[in-house]
Structure formats: C-alpha cells, structure tokens
PDB file of N, CA and C in Angstrom:
ATOM      1  N   UNK A   1       5.245  91.110   6.950  1.00  0.00           N
ATOM      2  CA  UNK A   1       3.717  90.548   6.442  1.00  0.00           C
ATOM      3  C   UNK A   1       2.706  90.617   7.078  1.00  0.00           C
ATOM      4  N   UNK A   2       1.734  91.346   6.581  1.00  0.00           N
ATOM      5  CA  UNK A   2       0.314  91.344   7.803  1.00  0.00           C
ATOM      6  C   UNK A   2      -0.525  90.542   7.258  1.00  0.00           C
ATOM      7  N   UNK A   3      -1.710  90.639   8.150  1.00  0.00           N
ATOM      8  CA  UNK A   3      -2.801  89.351   7.408  1.00  0.00           C
ATOM      9  C   UNK A   3      -2.244  88.103   7.775  1.00  0.00           C
ATOM     10  N   UNK A   4      -0.931  87.616   7.750  1.00  0.00           N
ATOM     11  CA  UNK A   4      -0.308  85.958   7.917  1.00  0.00           C
ATOM     12  C   UNK A   4      -1.276  85.328   8.368  1.00  0.00           C
ATOM     13  N   UNK A   5      -1.519  83.584   7.975  1.00  0.00           N
ATOM     14  CA  UNK A   5      -2.163  82.731   8.791  1.00  0.00           C
ATOM     15  C   UNK A   5      -0.948  82.091   8.913  1.00  0.00           C
ATOM     16  N   UNK A   6      -1.063  81.441  10.636  1.00  0.00           N
ATOM     17  CA  UNK A   6       0.185  80.518  11.210  1.00  0.00           C
ATOM     18  C   UNK A   6      -0.630  79.974  11.951  1.00  0.00           C
ATOM     19  N   UNK A   7       0.282  78.912  12.631  1.00  0.00           N
ATOM     20  CA  UNK A   7      -0.055  77.702  13.451  1.00  0.00           C
ATOM     21  C   UNK A   7      -0.969  78.675  14.704  1.00  0.00           C
ATOM     22  N   UNK A   8      -0.530  79.327  15.084  1.00  0.00           N
ATOM     23  CA  UNK A   8      -1.149  80.255  16.755  1.00  0.00           C
ATOM     24  C   UNK A   8      -2.644  80.505  16.107  1.00  0.00           C
ATOM     25  N   UNK A   9      -2.861  80.720  14.849  1.00  0.00           N
ATOM     26  CA  UNK A   9      -3.720  81.306  15.062  1.00  0.00           C
ATOM     27  C   UNK A   9      -4.883  80.764  14.505  1.00  0.00           C
ATOM     28  N   UNK A  10      -4.495  79.349  14.000  1.00  0.00           N
ATOM     29  CA  UNK A  10      -5.151  78.497  13.467  1.00  0.00           C
ATOM     30  C   UNK A  10      -5.916  77.305  14.743  1.00  0.00           C
ATOM     31  N   UNK A  11      -5.233  77.078  15.555  1.00  0.00           N
ATOM     32  CA  UNK A  11      -4.616  76.287  16.657  1.00  0.00           C
ATOM     33  C   UNK A  11      -6.341  76.262  17.507  1.00  0.00           C
ATOM     34  N   UNK A  12      -7.342  77.016  17.008  1.00  0.00           N
ATOM     35  CA  UNK A  12      -8.539  76.404  17.379  1.00  0.00           C
ATOM     36  C   UNK A  12      -9.098  74.947  16.544  1.00  0.00           C
ATOM     37  N   UNK A  13      -8.944  75.422  15.592  1.00  0.00           N
ATOM     38  CA  UNK A  13      -8.824  74.098  14.550  1.00  0.00           C
ATOM     39  C   UNK A  13      -8.399  72.989  14.634  1.00  0.00           C
ATOM     40  N   UNK A  14      -7.218  72.702  15.416  1.00  0.00           N
ATOM     41  CA  UNK A  14      -6.836  71.598  15.536  1.00  0.00           C
ATOM     42  C   UNK A  14      -7.423  70.290  15.880  1.00  0.00           C
ATOM     43  N   UNK A  15      -8.172  70.541  17.546  1.00  0.00           N
ATOM     44  CA  UNK A  15      -9.123  69.518  17.984  1.00  0.00           C
ATOM     45  C   UNK A  15      -9.924  69.138  16.858  1.00  0.00           C
ATOM     46  N   UNK A  16     -10.753  70.291  16.127  1.00  0.00           N
ATOM     47  CA  UNK A  16     -11.526  69.451  14.648  1.00  0.00           C
ATOM     48  C   UNK A  16     -11.008  68.683  13.522  1.00  0.00           C
ATOM     49  N   UNK A  17      -9.973  69.403  13.313  1.00  0.00           N
ATOM     50  CA  UNK A  17      -8.928  68.523  12.312  1.00  0.00           C
ATOM     51  C   UNK A  17      -8.917  67.267  13.093  1.00  0.00           C
ATOM     52  N   UNK A  18      -8.463  66.906  14.014  1.00  0.00           N
ATOM     53  CA  UNK A  18      -7.681  65.610  14.826  1.00  0.00           C
ATOM     54  C   UNK A  18      -8.734  64.981  14.706  1.00  0.00           C
ATOM     55  N   UNK A  19     -10.024  65.133  15.178  1.00  0.00           N
ATOM     56  CA  UNK A  19     -11.354  64.512  15.475  1.00  0.00           C
ATOM     57  C   UNK A  19     -11.977  63.782  14.065  1.00  0.00           C
ATOM     58  N   UNK A  20     -11.986  64.965  13.022  1.00  0.00           N
ATOM     59  CA  UNK A  20     -12.027  64.557  11.491  1.00  0.00           C
ATOM     60  C   UNK A  20     -11.501  63.384  11.061  1.00  0.00           C
ATOM     61  N   UNK A  21     -10.092  63.722  11.858  1.00  0.00           N
ATOM     62  CA  UNK A  21      -8.786  62.401  10.893  1.00  0.00           C
ATOM     63  C   UNK A  21      -9.475  61.278  11.569  1.00  0.00           C
ATOM     64  N   UNK A  22      -9.509  61.014  12.983  1.00  0.00           N
ATOM     65  CA  UNK A  22      -9.764  59.721  13.645  1.00  0.00           C
ATOM     66  C   UNK A  22     -10.960  59.615  13.019  1.00  0.00           C
ATOM     67  N   UNK A  23     -12.255  59.992  12.752  1.00  0.00           N
ATOM     68  CA  UNK A  23     -13.610  59.708  12.601  1.00  0.00           C
ATOM     69  C   UNK A  23     -13.463  58.872  10.967  1.00  0.00           C
ATOM     70  N   UNK A  24     -12.864  59.655  10.070  1.00  0.00           N
ATOM     71  CA  UNK A  24     -12.378  59.013   8.686  1.00  0.00           C
ATOM     72  C   UNK A  24     -11.807  57.872   9.014  1.00  0.00           C
ATOM     73  N   UNK A  25     -10.558  57.649   9.644  1.00  0.00           N
ATOM     74  CA  UNK A  25      -9.796  56.660  10.072  1.00  0.00           C
ATOM     75  C   UNK A  25     -10.731  55.493   9.970  1.00  0.00           C
ATOM     76  N   UNK A  26     -11.225  55.764  11.412  1.00  0.00           N
ATOM     77  CA  UNK A  26     -12.442  54.627  11.424  1.00  0.00           C
ATOM     78  C   UNK A  26     -13.549  54.186  10.918  1.00  0.00           C
ATOM     79  N   UNK A  27     -14.285  54.965  10.002  1.00  0.00           N
ATOM     80  CA  UNK A  27     -14.896  54.982   9.152  1.00  0.00           C
ATOM     81  C   UNK A  27     -14.244  53.840   8.132  1.00  0.00           C
ATOM     82  N   UNK A  28     -13.421  54.219   7.545  1.00  0.00           N
ATOM     83  CA  UNK A  28     -12.732  53.769   6.088  1.00  0.00           C
ATOM     84  C   UNK A  28     -11.815  52.038   6.251  1.00  0.00           C
ATOM     85  N   UNK A  29     -11.389  52.259   7.605  1.00  0.00           N
ATOM     86  CA  UNK A  29     -10.667  51.076   8.262  1.00  0.00           C
ATOM     87  C   UNK A  29     -10.818  49.589   7.674  1.00  0.00           C
ATOM     88  N   UNK A  30     -10.502  49.002   7.394  1.00  0.00           N
ATOM     89  CA  UNK A  30     -10.992  47.273   7.013  1.00  0.00           C
ATOM     90  C   UNK A  30     -11.122  46.488   8.229  1.00  0.00           C
ATOM     91  N   UNK A  31      -9.981  46.889   9.287  1.00  0.00           N
ATOM     92  CA  UNK A  31      -9.852  45.953  10.622  1.00  0.00           C
ATOM     93  C   UNK A  31     -11.270  46.401  11.499  1.00  0.00           C
ATOM     94  N   UNK A  32     -11.513  47.596  11.477  1.00  0.00           N
ATOM     95  CA  UNK A  32     -12.585  48.346  12.895  1.00  0.00           C
ATOM     96  C   UNK A  32     -13.361  47.483  12.703  1.00  0.00           C
ATOM     97  N   UNK A  33     -14.632  47.385  12.125  1.00  0.00           N
ATOM     98  CA  UNK A  33     -15.941  46.336  12.327  1.00  0.00           C
ATOM     99  C   UNK A  33     -15.662  45.072  13.014  1.00  0.00           C
ATOM    100  N   UNK A  34     -13.890  44.495  12.520  1.00  0.00           N
ATOM    101  CA  UNK A  34     -13.923  42.932  13.052  1.00  0.00           C
ATOM    102  C   UNK A  34     -13.301  43.088  14.475  1.00  0.00           C
ATOM    103  N   UNK A  35     -12.766  44.350  14.807  1.00  0.00           N
ATOM    104  CA  UNK A  35     -12.304  44.584  16.415  1.00  0.00           C
ATOM    105  C   UNK A  35     -13.435  45.260  17.460  1.00  0.00           C
ATOM    106  N   UNK A  36     -13.404  44.827  18.742  1.00  0.00           N
ATOM    107  CA  UNK A  36     -14.022  45.789  19.765  1.00  0.00           C
ATOM    108  C   UNK A  36     -13.363  46.144  20.687  1.00  0.00           C
ATOM    109  N   UNK A  37     -13.397  47.300  20.671  1.00  0.00           N
ATOM    110  CA  UNK A  37     -12.028  47.820  21.387  1.00  0.00           C
ATOM    111  C   UNK A  37     -12.816  48.314  22.687  1.00  0.00           C
ATOM    112  N   UNK A  38     -12.608  48.329  24.005  1.00  0.00           N
ATOM    113  CA  UNK A  38     -13.250  48.033  25.618  1.00  0.00           C
ATOM    114  C   UNK A  38     -12.247  49.181  26.407  1.00  0.00           C
ATOM    115  N   UNK A  39     -12.682  50.258  26.470  1.00  0.00           N
ATOM    116  CA  UNK A  39     -11.575  51.085  27.584  1.00  0.00           C
ATOM    117  C   UNK A  39     -12.028  50.774  29.101  1.00  0.00           C
ATOM    118  N   UNK A  40     -10.967  50.293  29.526  1.00  0.00           N
ATOM    119  CA  UNK A  40     -10.645  49.776  31.006  1.00  0.00           C
ATOM    120  C   UNK A  40      -9.957  51.259  32.162  1.00  0.00           C
ATOM    121  N   UNK A  41     -10.318  51.813  31.398  1.00  0.00           N
ATOM    122  CA  UNK A  41      -9.536  52.763  32.384  1.00  0.00           C
ATOM    123  C   UNK A  41     -10.202  53.500  33.619  1.00  0.00           C
ATOM    124  N   UNK A  42     -10.066  53.896  34.587  1.00  0.00           N
ATOM    125  CA  UNK A  42     -10.703  53.662  35.974  1.00  0.00           C
ATOM    126  C   UNK A  42     -11.575  52.694  36.266  1.00  0.00           C
ATOM    127  N   UNK A  43     -11.422  51.913  35.593  1.00  0.00           N
ATOM    128  CA  UNK A  43     -12.180  50.111  35.799  1.00  0.00           C
ATOM    129  C   UNK A  43     -11.553  49.363  36.858  1.00  0.00           C
ATOM    130  N   UNK A  44     -10.365  49.465  37.296  1.00  0.00           N
ATOM    131  CA  UNK A  44      -9.466  48.548  37.623  1.00  0.00           C
ATOM    132  C   UNK A  44      -8.816  48.416  36.603  1.00  0.00           C
ATOM    133  N   UNK A  45      -8.645  46.861  36.954  1.00  0.00           N
ATOM    134  CA  UNK A  45      -7.749  45.605  36.208  1.00  0.00           C
ATOM    135  C   UNK A  45      -8.185  44.947  35.140  1.00  0.00           C
ATOM    136  N   UNK A  46      -9.789  44.459  35.629  1.00  0.00           N
ATOM    137  CA  UNK A  46     -10.401  43.370  34.848  1.00  0.00           C
ATOM    138  C   UNK A  46     -11.858  43.944  34.248  1.00  0.00           C
ATOM    139  N   UNK A  47     -11.926  43.284  33.424  1.00  0.00           N
ATOM    140  CA  UNK A  47     -13.091  43.730  32.550  1.00  0.00           C
ATOM    141  C   UNK A  47     -14.020  42.473  32.084  1.00  0.00           C
ATOM    142  N   UNK A  48     -15.445  42.718  31.900  1.00  0.00           N
ATOM    143  CA  UNK A  48     -16.277  41.590  31.701  1.00  0.00           C
ATOM    144  C   UNK A  48     -16.378  42.007  30.453  1.00  0.00           C
ATOM    145  N   UNK A  49     -16.239  41.022  29.602  1.00  0.00           N
ATOM    146  CA  UNK A  49     -16.292  41.116  27.868  1.00  0.00           C
ATOM    147  C   UNK A  49     -17.469  40.013  27.900  1.00  0.00           C
ATOM    148  N   UNK A  50     -18.555  40.426  27.012  1.00  0.00           N
ATOM    149  CA  UNK A  50     -19.410  39.292  26.553  1.00  0.00           C
ATOM    150  C   UNK A  50     -18.934  38.176  25.815  1.00  0.00           C
ATOM    151  N   UNK A  51     -19.515  36.950  25.757  1.00  0.00           N
ATOM    152  CA  UNK A  51     -19.134  36.012  24.662  1.00  0.00           C
ATOM    153  C   UNK A  51     -20.013  35.083  24.005  1.00  0.00           C
ATOM    154  N   UNK A  52     -20.279  35.632  22.740  1.00  0.00           N
ATOM    155  CA  UNK A  52     -21.404  35.384  21.994  1.00  0.00           C
ATOM    156  C   UNK A  52     -21.494  34.050  21.868  1.00  0.00           C
ATOM    157  N   UNK A  53     -22.583  33.379  21.857  1.00  0.00           N
ATOM    158  CA  UNK A  53     -22.491  31.651  21.023  1.00  0.00           C
ATOM    159  C   UNK A  53     -22.385  31.736  19.863  1.00  0.00           C
ATOM    160  N   UNK A  54     -21.907  30.444  18.758  1.00  0.00           N
ATOM    161  CA  UNK A  54     -21.572  29.985  18.127  1.00  0.00           C
ATOM    162  C   UNK A  54     -23.339  30.012  17.303  1.00  0.00           C
ATOM    163  N   UNK A  55     -23.563  30.770  15.695  1.00  0.00           N
ATOM    164  CA  UNK A  55     -24.826  30.598  15.049  1.00  0.00           C
ATOM    165  C   UNK A  55     -24.703  29.539  14.263  1.00  0.00           C
ATOM    166  N   UNK A  56     -25.741  28.935  14.273  1.00  0.00           N
ATOM    167  CA  UNK A  56     -25.865  27.798  12.847  1.00  0.00           C
ATOM    168  C   UNK A  56     -27.025  27.916  12.463  1.00  0.00           C
ATOM    169  N   UNK A  57     -26.614  27.274  10.940  1.00  0.00           N
ATOM    170  CA  UNK A  57     -28.024  27.613  10.241  1.00  0.00           C
ATOM    171  C   UNK A  57     -27.899  26.114   9.445  1.00  0.00           C
ATOM    172  N   UNK A  58     -29.267  26.461   9.213  1.00  0.00           N
ATOM    173  CA  UNK A  58     -29.637  24.763   9.024  1.00  0.00           C
ATOM    174  C   UNK A  58     -30.596  25.185   7.242  1.00  0.00           C
ATOM    175  N   UNK A  59     -30.970  23.865   6.886  1.00  0.00           N
ATOM    176  CA  UNK A  59     -31.706  24.062   5.875  1.00  0.00           C
ATOM    177  C   UNK A  59     -33.131  24.209   5.970  1.00  0.00           C
ATOM    178  N   UNK A  60     -34.263  24.720   5.136  1.00  0.00           N
ATOM    179  CA  UNK A  60     -35.430  24.952   5.554  1.00  0.00           C
ATOM    180  C   UNK A  60     -36.311  24.840   4.226  1.00  0.00           C
ATOM    181  N   UNK A  61     -36.927  23.762   4.571  1.00  0.00           N
ATOM    182  CA  UNK A  61     -37.982  23.639   3.261  1.00  0.00           C
ATOM    183  C   UNK A  61     -38.688  24.718   2.979  1.00  0.00           C
ATOM    184  N   UNK A  62     -39.189  24.575   1.594  1.00  0.00           N
ATOM    185  CA  UNK A  62     -40.109  25.960   1.373  1.00  0.00           C
ATOM    186  C   UNK A  62     -41.297  26.120   1.662  1.00  0.00           C
ATOM    187  N   UNK A  63     -41.435  27.353   2.422  1.00  0.00           N
ATOM    188  CA  UNK A  63     -42.702  27.573   2.725  1.00  0.00           C
ATOM    189  C   UNK A  63     -42.920  27.308   4.348  1.00  0.00           C
ATOM    190  N   UNK A  64     -41.347  27.001   5.014  1.00  0.00           N
ATOM    191  CA  UNK A  64     -42.070  26.252   6.400  1.00  0.00           C
ATOM    192  C   UNK A  64     -41.698  27.691   6.972  1.00  0.00           C
ATOM    193  N   UNK A  65     -42.426  28.357   7.993  1.00  0.00           N
ATOM    194  CA  UNK A  65     -41.381  29.948   8.348  1.00  0.00           C
ATOM    195  C   UNK A  65     -40.349  29.132   9.393  1.00  0.00           C
ATOM    196  N   UNK A  66     -39.332  30.005   9.698  1.00  0.00           N
ATOM    197  CA  UNK A  66     -38.306  29.914  10.610  1.00  0.00           C
ATOM    198  C   UNK A  66     -38.698  30.213  12.047  1.00  0.00           C
ATOM    199  N   UNK A  67     -37.876  29.312  13.391  1.00  0.00           N
ATOM    200  CA  UNK A  67     -38.373  29.510  14.444  1.00  0.00           C
ATOM    201  C   UNK A  67     -37.122  30.225  15.001  1.00  0.00           C
ATOM    202  N   UNK A  68     -37.439  30.915  16.477  1.00  0.00           N
ATOM    203  CA  UNK A  68     -36.785  31.350  17.155  1.00  0.00           C
ATOM    204  C   UNK A  68     -35.555  30.488  17.542  1.00  0.00           C
ATOM    205  N   UNK A  69     -34.388  31.314  17.777  1.00  0.00           N
ATOM    206  CA  UNK A  69     -33.451  30.410  18.623  1.00  0.00           C
ATOM    207  C   UNK A  69     -33.498  31.361  19.924  1.00  0.00           C
ATOM    208  N   UNK A  70     -33.055  31.048  20.942  1.00  0.00           N
ATOM    209  CA  UNK A  70     -32.307  31.346  22.392  1.00  0.00           C
ATOM    210  C   UNK A  70     -31.054  31.777  22.153  1.00  0.00           C
ATOM    211  N   UNK A  71     -30.615  33.121  22.573  1.00  0.00           N
ATOM    212  CA  UNK A  71     -29.172  33.185  22.471  1.00  0.00           C
ATOM    213  C   UNK A  71     -29.106  33.667  23.817  1.00  0.00           C
ATOM    214  N   UNK A  72     -27.800  33.018  24.566  1.00  0.00           N
ATOM    215  CA  UNK A  72     -27.841  33.029  25.972  1.00  0.00           C
ATOM    216  C   UNK A  72     -25.703  33.441  25.903  1.00  0.00           C
ATOM    217  N   UNK A  73     -25.829  34.885  25.941  1.00  0.00           N
ATOM    218  CA  UNK A  73     -24.313  34.895  25.626  1.00  0.00           C
ATOM    219  C   UNK A  73     -23.707  34.668  27.287  1.00  0.00           C
ATOM    220  N   UNK A  74     -22.346  34.179  27.545  1.00  0.00           N
ATOM    221  CA  UNK A  74     -21.374  34.075  28.692  1.00  0.00           C
ATOM    222  C   UNK A  74     -20.563  35.504  28.450  1.00  0.00           C
ATOM    223  N   UNK A  75     -19.474  35.514  29.584  1.00  0.00           N
ATOM    224  CA  UNK A  75     -18.916  36.308  29.639  1.00  0.00           C
ATOM    225  C   UNK A  75     -17.183  35.672  30.183  1.00  0.00           C
ATOM    226  N   UNK A  76     -16.545  36.683  29.747  1.00  0.00           N
ATOM    227  CA  UNK A  76     -15.129  36.293  30.211  1.00  0.00           C
ATOM    228  C   UNK A  76     -14.576  37.249  30.580  1.00  0.00           C
ATOM    229  N   UNK A  77     -13.693  36.939  31.769  1.00  0.00           N
ATOM    230  CA  UNK A  77     -13.011  38.169  32.316  1.00  0.00           C
ATOM    231  C   UNK A  77     -11.583  38.155  32.099  1.00  0.00           C
ATOM    232  N   UNK A  78     -11.279  39.125  31.473  1.00  0.00           N
ATOM    233  CA  UNK A  78     -10.232  39.876  30.759  1.00  0.00           C
ATOM    234  C   UNK A  78      -9.354  40.865  32.131  1.00  0.00           C
ATOM    235  N   UNK A  79      -8.286  40.442  32.226  1.00  0.00           N
ATOM    236  CA  UNK A  79      -7.311  41.278  33.286  1.00  0.00           C
ATOM    237  C   UNK A  79      -6.173  41.664  32.656  1.00  0.00           C
ATOM    238  N   UNK A  80      -6.263  42.931  32.551  1.00  0.00           N
ATOM    239  CA  UNK A  80      -4.914  43.895  32.273  1.00  0.00           C
ATOM    240  C   UNK A  80      -3.963  43.816  33.341  1.00  0.00           C
ATOM    241  N   UNK A  81      -2.497  43.193  32.402  1.00  0.00           N
ATOM    242  CA  UNK A  81      -1.109  43.168  33.435  1.00  0.00           C
ATOM    243  C   UNK A  81      -0.438  44.380  32.439  1.00  0.00           C
ATOM    244  N   UNK A  82       0.952  44.179  33.467  1.00  0.00           N
ATOM    245  CA  UNK A  82       2.381  44.826  32.734  1.00  0.00           C
ATOM    246  C   UNK A  82       3.274  44.132  32.310  1.00  0.00           C
ATOM    247  N   UNK A  83       3.368  44.072  31.379  1.00  0.00           N
ATOM    248  CA  UNK A  83       4.390  43.431  30.619  1.00  0.00           C
ATOM    249  C   UNK A  83       5.633  43.900  29.894  1.00  0.00           C
ATOM    250  N   UNK A  84       7.109  43.757  30.274  1.00  0.00           N
ATOM    251  CA  UNK A  84       7.700  44.064  29.944  1.00  0.00           C
ATOM    252  C   UNK A  84       9.262  43.503  29.802  1.00  0.00           C
ATOM    253  N   UNK A  85      10.387  43.931  29.004  1.00  0.00           N
ATOM    254  CA  UNK A  85      11.858  43.137  29.015  1.00  0.00           C
ATOM    255  C   UNK A  85      12.548  44.128  29.619  1.00  0.00           C
ATOM    256  N   UNK A  86      13.544  43.944  30.244  1.00  0.00           N
ATOM    257  CA  UNK A  86      14.967  44.638  30.507  1.00  0.00           C
ATOM    258  C   UNK A  86      16.002  44.104  29.661  1.00  0.00           C
ATOM    259  N   UNK A  87      16.387  44.698  28.652  1.00  0.00           N
ATOM    260  CA  UNK A  87      17.274  44.041  28.390  1.00  0.00           C
ATOM    261  C   UNK A  87      18.679  45.082  28.486  1.00  0.00           C
ATOM    262  N   UNK A  88      19.660  44.785  29.216  1.00  0.00           N
ATOM    263  CA  UNK A  88      21.069  45.448  29.342  1.00  0.00           C
ATOM    264  C   UNK A  88      22.139  45.364  28.606  1.00  0.00           C
ATOM    265  N   UNK A  89      23.072  46.341  27.968  1.00  0.00           N
ATOM    266  CA  UNK A  89      23.965  46.158  27.224  1.00  0.00           C
ATOM    267  C   UNK A  89      25.033  46.214  27.931  1.00  0.00           C
ATOM    268  N   UNK A  90      25.340  45.557  28.359  1.00  0.00           N
ATOM    269  CA  UNK A  90      26.703  45.542  29.581  1.00  0.00           C
ATOM    270  C   UNK A  90      28.003  45.673  29.283  1.00  0.00           C
ATOM    271  N   UNK A  91      28.984  46.055  29.977  1.00  0.00           N
ATOM    272  CA  UNK A  91      30.736  45.990  29.699  1.00  0.00           C
ATOM    273  C   UNK A  91      30.823  44.897  30.133  1.00  0.00           C
ATOM    274  N   UNK A  92      29.843  43.711  30.816  1.00  0.00           N
ATOM    275  CA  UNK A  92      30.647  42.207  31.183  1.00  0.00           C
ATOM    276  C   UNK A  92      30.248  41.539  30.481  1.00  0.00           C
ATOM    277  N   UNK A  93      30.000  41.695  28.904  1.00  0.00           N
ATOM    278  CA  UNK A  93      29.870  40.898  27.752  1.00  0.00           C
ATOM    279  C   UNK A  93      31.160  41.027  27.443  1.00  0.00           C
ATOM    280  N   UNK A  94      31.442  42.061  26.734  1.00  0.00           N
ATOM    281  CA  UNK A  94      32.531  42.914  26.397  1.00  0.00           C
ATOM    282  C   UNK A  94      34.027  42.227  26.703  1.00  0.00           C
ATOM    283  N   UNK A  95      33.771  42.202  28.133  1.00  0.00           N
ATOM    284  CA  UNK A  95      34.912  42.139  29.121  1.00  0.00           C
ATOM    285  C   UNK A  95      34.963  40.104  29.317  1.00  0.00           C
ATOM    286  N   UNK A  96      33.646  39.731  29.248  1.00  0.00           N
ATOM    287  CA  UNK A  96      33.611  38.005  29.054  1.00  0.00           C
ATOM    288  C   UNK A  96      34.505  37.696  27.619  1.00  0.00           C
ATOM    289  N   UNK A  97      33.834  38.255  26.414  1.00  0.00           N
ATOM    290  CA  UNK A  97      34.580  38.098  25.242  1.00  0.00           C
ATOM    291  C   UNK A  97      36.259  38.394  25.279  1.00  0.00           C
ATOM    292  N   UNK A  98      36.581  39.293  26.104  1.00  0.00           N
ATOM    293  CA  UNK A  98      38.135  39.507  26.311  1.00  0.00           C
ATOM    294  C   UNK A  98      38.666  38.199  27.030  1.00  0.00           C
ATOM    295  N   UNK A  99      38.029  37.741  28.092  1.00  0.00           N
ATOM    296  CA  UNK A  99      38.784  36.722  28.519  1.00  0.00           C
ATOM    297  C   UNK A  99      38.318  35.203  27.994  1.00  0.00           C
ATOM    298  N   UNK A 100      37.359  35.492  27.147  1.00  0.00           N
ATOM    299  CA  UNK A 100      37.389  34.133  26.334  1.00  0.00           C
ATOM    300  C   UNK A 100      38.575  34.396  25.520  1.00  0.00           C
ATOM    301  N   UNK A 101      38.710  35.203  24.631  1.00  0.00           N
ATOM    302  CA  UNK A 101      39.847  35.280  23.713  1.00  0.00           C
ATOM    303  C   UNK A 101      41.638  35.040  24.560  1.00  0.00           C
ATOM    304  N   UNK A 102      41.516  35.619  25.504  1.00  0.00           N
ATOM    305  CA  UNK A 102      42.790  35.444  26.751  1.00  0.00           C
ATOM    306  C   UNK A 102      42.720  33.946  27.292  1.00  0.00           C
ATOM    307  N   UNK A 103      41.819  33.167  27.188  1.00  0.00           N
ATOM    308  CA  UNK A 103      42.204  31.968  27.852  1.00  0.00           C
ATOM    309  C   UNK A 103      42.404  31.118  26.442  1.00  0.00           C
ATOM    310  N   UNK A 104      41.824  31.037  25.271  1.00  0.00           N
ATOM    311  CA  UNK A 104      42.047  30.977  23.831  1.00  0.00           C
ATOM    312  C   UNK A 104      43.540  30.442  23.945  1.00  0.00           C
ATOM    313  N   UNK A 105      43.851  32.066  24.424  1.00  0.00           N
ATOM    314  CA  UNK A 105      45.488  32.126  23.590  1.00  0.00           C
ATOM    315  C   UNK A 105      46.324  31.675  24.336  1.00  0.00           C
ATOM    316  N   UNK A 106      45.781  31.268  26.152  1.00  0.00           N
ATOM    317  CA  UNK A 106      46.944  30.633  26.779  1.00  0.00           C
ATOM    318  C   UNK A 106      46.721  29.321  26.522  1.00  0.00           C
ATOM    319  N   UNK A 107      45.635  28.759  26.292  1.00  0.00           N
ATOM    320  CA  UNK A 107      45.163  27.377  25.859  1.00  0.00           C
ATOM    321  C   UNK A 107      46.571  26.865  24.725  1.00  0.00           C
ATOM    322  N   UNK A 108      46.414  27.481  23.734  1.00  0.00           N
ATOM    323  CA  UNK A 108      47.447  27.468  22.806  1.00  0.00           C
ATOM    324  C   UNK A 108      48.854  27.111  22.661  1.00  0.00           C
ATOM    325  N   UNK A 109      48.879  28.323  23.744  1.00  0.00           N
ATOM    326  CA  UNK A 109      50.430  28.769  23.672  1.00  0.00           C
ATOM    327  C   UNK A 109      50.894  27.022  24.960  1.00  0.00           C
ATOM    328  N   UNK A 110      49.990  26.809  25.962  1.00  0.00           N
ATOM    329  CA  UNK A 110      50.128  25.786  26.881  1.00  0.00           C
ATOM    330  C   UNK A 110      50.437  24.395  25.602  1.00  0.00           C
ATOM    331  N   UNK A 111      49.044  24.196  24.792  1.00  0.00           N
ATOM    332  CA  UNK A 111      49.205  23.005  24.176  1.00  0.00           C
ATOM    333  C   UNK A 111      50.298  23.410  23.200  1.00  0.00           C
ATOM    334  N   UNK A 112      51.569  24.089  23.313  1.00  0.00           N
ATOM    335  CA  UNK A 112      52.214  23.906  22.267  1.00  0.00           C
ATOM    336  C   UNK A 112      54.025  23.626  23.434  1.00  0.00           C
ATOM    337  N   UNK A 113      53.589  23.803  24.198  1.00  0.00           N
ATOM    338  CA  UNK A 113      54.539  23.814  25.585  1.00  0.00           C
ATOM    339  C   UNK A 113      54.420  22.173  25.580  1.00  0.00           C
ATOM    340  N   UNK A 114      53.193  21.650  25.620  1.00  0.00           N
ATOM    341  CA  UNK A 114      52.945  20.309  26.322  1.00  0.00           C
ATOM    342  C   UNK A 114      53.448  19.572  25.406  1.00  0.00           C
ATOM    343  N   UNK A 115      52.855  19.663  23.650  1.00  0.00           N
ATOM    344  CA  UNK A 115      53.290  18.694  22.549  1.00  0.00           C
ATOM    345  C   UNK A 115      55.138  19.073  22.503  1.00  0.00           C
ATOM    346  N   UNK A 116      55.784  19.881  23.065  1.00  0.00           N
ATOM    347  CA  UNK A 116      57.418  20.269  22.663  1.00  0.00           C
ATOM    348  C   UNK A 116      58.001  19.428  23.713  1.00  0.00           C
ATOM    349  N   UNK A 117      57.169  18.995  24.359  1.00  0.00           N
ATOM    350  CA  UNK A 117      58.128  18.434  25.981  1.00  0.00           C
ATOM    351  C   UNK A 117      57.954  16.867  25.812  1.00  0.00           C
TER     352      UNK A 117
END
C-alpha cells in the first residue's frame, strides 16, 4: 500500500507527544502542588532545602491594619544514599527442610525404641 503512516514516519512527533503528556499529567495532578521535586543530579549526594517557618494567624480588630511579619527560613541538608535488599532463594533452605524432616523421623523412630525397651 502506498502513502501509509507508520511509526517511523511519525517519529519526529514522539518527543512532542511525550512532553505534552507529561505537562498534562503535571497540571492535572492533585499531588503535584503539594510536593516539591529537587533535581540533585550533578550536585553530589547532598542538597540544601529551604525550610519555611510556620505561619500563624491572629484576630484583627475592625479598622486595624495588618502588620508585616519577618520570615526567616532555615535550611535542611538532605543526603541521598543507596538502599537495597539482597534476598536469595537458596537451595540451602530446601536442604535444611529435608534435614529437619529426616531429624524428626529419626527422633520418632528412636522414641519408639526407647519406649519399647
């Protein structure tokens, strides 16, 4: 067939389609405004993140102007580290189970001999 549209003829659009999908996801996500993402690639394993102080509200009398409050943020150092679990399903577990089975059989058979004597 002539004049077919295939994935290779549309490959130039992939990047744009993916970027549009990411943008749509980020703009419509409920969690996105509640989470701050920090990119630490190329900055080592530590990043300084600002910590904003708690803001409090108070009752104001009618006709009274609000006053300015100084905001003095601090920072927290966050270190990235590698965490992992090494779980091995080993034949040793099977051998141990077989060993226990043999041990129980031996104990039972010896217990019968002891009782019979």
